[in-house]
Every structure is written in structure tokens, then in C-alpha cells.
Amino acid sequence: MSTRPKPEPREAFRHHARITTRWMDNDLYGHVNNVQYYSYFDSVVNRYLIEAGALDIHGGAVIGLVVETHCNYFAPLSFPQDVEAGLRVAQLGNSSVRYEIGLFAPGEPLAAALGHFVHVYVDRATRRPVPLPEVLKQALRPLQVAA
């Protein structure tokens, strides 16, 4: 029997960032549509990497490709509220990274959604996996949590 996922607290994440929701993020039911959560995940990870100097989206020789994603939803988020994202690294492999993200309503102690995605880092030209560059590993180590 599997255990039902539960929301996690803010303290479970090493990095936090604010995401501004947009009018178009809401769906007909008045809350952020599920597909937008994946956009938020991608944005918080890539912004962190760019700001840490670990990702050059235009000219870098190594890029990350998403090979796996998942999300559990616990409470609705909606425009115009901001979303507070928590980020951590659950696994740092030879050529891959598993990022875990919690999305929080402002001031709420528990995540409204928890998700993850896995990047496999590849050579931009050949699209073949490569070892994680040292600058990337240095940027990700502070985000690592125990398995």
C-alpha cells in the first residue's frame, strides 16, 4: 500500500524565490491551471542556475533537458496572489539532477503543491549526456538535502 503524499513545510527547502502569477495562469475554475505549475518549476530552477552563473542559456556548451516531471496538488493558488517557491536538490548524479520544488501561497507554512523534475545535462550540439560541469555542481551543492 502506498503512502499518500503530504504537503511539506517551507523549512524543507534550501532556496526560496517569489513568482508573480499572471491573469492567464488562472483557468475557468478560478485557480492556477495545473500546467502552469510546471512552468513555475522550470522558472525557479533556471533562474537560480542563471543567477548562480551555472547556466548560459544562449551560448553554454552544456544544457539541461527535462526527462521526468511530477506534481502533487494540495491547495489551490490563484491570480493575483504571488507564489513563493522553495527549491532543493534531492539527487546529484554524474550527468543528472533531481530538483524538488514546493509552491506556497504567501504566508502559508505548508506547500500548496510539491513537485520534482529531473534534468539530464547534455552537450548542446550532440545532445549526448555529459558529466555535470564543476560550476554547476558548486551552484547545486548548497541546495542538496539528505536522501
Protein backbone atom coordinates (compact mmCIF):
# COMPACT_ATOMS: atom_id res chain seq x y z
CA MET A 1 0.00 0.00 0.00
CA SER A 2 1.47 3.37 -0.99
CA THR A 3 1.62 6.35 1.33
CA ARG A 4 -0.44 9.34 0.31
CA PRO A 5 1.76 12.41 -0.38
CA LYS A 6 1.60 15.20 2.18
CA PRO A 7 2.47 18.90 1.90
CA GLU A 8 5.87 19.86 3.27
CA PRO A 9 6.93 22.96 5.22
CA ARG A 10 8.97 25.85 3.85
CA GLU A 11 11.92 24.85 6.01
CA ALA A 12 12.36 21.68 3.92
CA PHE A 13 13.74 23.80 1.07
CA ARG A 14 17.15 25.48 0.82
CA HIS A 15 16.35 28.32 -1.62
CA HIS A 16 13.23 30.49 -1.87
CA ALA A 17 12.02 32.73 -4.68
CA ARG A 18 8.89 34.72 -5.47
CA ILE A 19 6.93 34.07 -8.66
CA THR A 20 4.40 36.59 -9.91
CA THR A 21 1.23 34.97 -11.21
CA ARG A 22 -0.42 36.30 -14.35
CA TRP A 23 -4.06 36.69 -15.32
CA MET A 24 -3.62 33.98 -17.96
CA ASP A 25 -2.42 31.48 -15.33
CA ASN A 26 -5.96 31.09 -13.97
CA ASP A 27 -8.33 28.66 -15.59
CA LEU A 28 -12.10 28.66 -15.91
CA TYR A 29 -12.40 27.40 -12.33
CA GLY A 30 -10.67 30.48 -10.88
CA HIS A 31 -7.37 28.94 -9.84
CA VAL A 32 -3.95 28.46 -11.43
CA ASN A 33 -4.21 25.72 -14.04
CA ASN A 34 -2.11 22.63 -13.41
CA VAL A 35 0.10 23.16 -16.47
CA GLN A 36 1.34 26.46 -15.04
CA TYR A 37 2.85 24.71 -12.03
CA TYR A 38 5.38 23.05 -14.33
CA SER A 39 6.25 26.44 -15.78
CA TYR A 40 6.84 27.72 -12.24
CA PHE A 41 9.11 24.74 -11.51
CA ASP A 42 11.15 25.39 -14.64
CA SER A 43 11.36 29.12 -13.91
CA VAL A 44 12.58 28.79 -10.31
CA VAL A 45 15.26 26.24 -11.23
CA ASN A 46 16.58 28.01 -14.30
CA ARG A 47 16.52 31.44 -12.69
CA TYR A 48 18.55 30.06 -9.79
CA LEU A 49 21.07 28.49 -12.18
CA ILE A 50 21.40 31.63 -14.30
CA GLU A 51 21.83 33.88 -11.26
CA ALA A 52 24.41 31.47 -9.80
CA GLY A 53 26.42 31.67 -13.04
CA ALA A 54 25.92 27.96 -13.70
CA LEU A 55 23.77 28.19 -16.84
CA ASP A 56 24.29 30.16 -20.04
CA ILE A 57 21.02 29.64 -21.90
CA HIS A 58 22.26 31.26 -25.11
CA GLY A 59 25.84 30.09 -25.54
CA GLY A 60 26.67 27.43 -22.98
CA ALA A 61 28.14 24.17 -24.26
CA VAL A 62 26.07 22.17 -21.74
CA ILE A 63 22.28 22.37 -21.35
CA GLY A 64 19.76 20.57 -19.16
CA LEU A 65 16.93 18.59 -20.73
CA VAL A 66 13.91 17.62 -18.65
CA VAL A 67 13.39 13.85 -18.71
CA GLU A 68 10.91 13.42 -15.84
CA THR A 69 8.32 15.56 -14.04
CA HIS A 70 5.75 15.04 -11.33
CA CYS A 71 3.46 17.19 -9.17
CA ASN A 72 1.10 16.65 -6.21
CA TYR A 73 -1.51 19.34 -5.53
CA PHE A 74 -2.76 20.11 -2.03
CA ALA A 75 -4.38 23.56 -2.13
CA PRO A 76 -5.30 26.00 -4.90
CA LEU A 77 -3.24 29.01 -5.92
CA SER A 78 -4.75 31.85 -7.94
CA PHE A 79 -4.02 35.14 -9.64
CA PRO A 80 -3.34 37.83 -8.38
CA GLN A 81 -1.52 36.23 -5.45
CA ASP A 82 2.21 35.70 -5.74
CA VAL A 83 3.62 32.22 -5.37
CA GLU A 84 6.58 31.53 -3.11
CA ALA A 85 8.72 28.69 -4.45
CA GLY A 86 11.06 26.54 -2.39
CA LEU A 87 13.86 24.69 -4.16
CA ARG A 88 16.15 21.84 -3.17
CA VAL A 89 18.31 19.22 -4.86
CA ALA A 90 17.41 15.66 -3.90
CA GLN A 91 19.92 13.87 -6.11
CA LEU A 92 23.10 14.98 -7.82
CA GLY A 93 24.25 12.32 -10.28
CA ASN A 94 27.03 12.12 -12.83
CA SER A 95 25.01 13.80 -15.60
CA SER A 96 21.62 14.36 -13.97
CA VAL A 97 19.98 16.35 -11.19
CA ARG A 98 16.67 15.80 -9.43
CA TYR A 99 15.19 19.13 -8.36
CA GLU A 100 12.31 19.27 -5.88
CA ILE A 101 10.07 22.30 -5.66
CA GLY A 102 7.42 23.37 -3.18
CA LEU A 103 4.94 26.09 -4.17
CA PHE A 104 3.46 28.12 -1.33
CA ALA A 105 0.72 30.70 -1.02
CA PRO A 106 2.10 33.83 0.67
CA GLY A 107 2.46 33.30 4.41
CA GLU A 108 1.29 29.69 4.34
CA PRO A 109 3.52 27.24 6.23
CA LEU A 110 2.77 24.18 4.05
CA ALA A 111 3.16 23.74 0.30
CA ALA A 112 0.12 24.08 -1.93
CA ALA A 113 1.96 21.82 -4.40
CA LEU A 114 5.07 19.66 -4.38
CA GLY A 115 6.83 18.55 -7.48
CA HIS A 116 10.07 17.45 -9.00
CA PHE A 117 11.82 17.29 -12.29
CA VAL A 118 14.99 15.69 -13.49
CA HIS A 119 17.44 17.41 -15.80
CA VAL A 120 19.92 15.35 -17.77
CA TYR A 121 22.79 17.57 -18.80
CA VAL A 122 23.88 17.16 -22.40
CA ASP A 123 26.25 18.64 -24.92
CA ARG A 124 24.31 21.38 -26.71
CA ALA A 125 25.45 20.22 -30.18
CA THR A 126 25.31 16.42 -29.87
CA ARG A 127 22.56 16.12 -27.23
CA ARG A 128 24.60 13.34 -25.60
CA PRO A 129 24.86 13.23 -21.77
CA VAL A 130 27.97 14.81 -20.25
CA PRO A 131 29.32 14.95 -16.69
CA LEU A 132 27.96 17.87 -14.69
CA PRO A 133 30.27 20.87 -15.07
CA GLU A 134 32.07 21.86 -11.87
CA VAL A 135 30.44 25.31 -11.84
CA LEU A 136 27.03 23.63 -11.88
CA LYS A 137 27.94 21.24 -9.06
CA GLN A 138 29.22 24.16 -6.99
CA ALA A 139 25.94 26.02 -7.50
CA LEU A 140 23.84 22.97 -6.60
CA ARG A 141 25.67 21.68 -3.52
CA PRO A 142 24.16 24.32 -1.19
CA LEU A 143 20.70 23.12 -2.28
CA GLN A 144 21.35 19.43 -1.56
CA VAL A 145 19.35 17.65 1.10
CA ALA A 146 19.90 14.20 2.57
CA ALA A 147 18.31 11.37 0.62
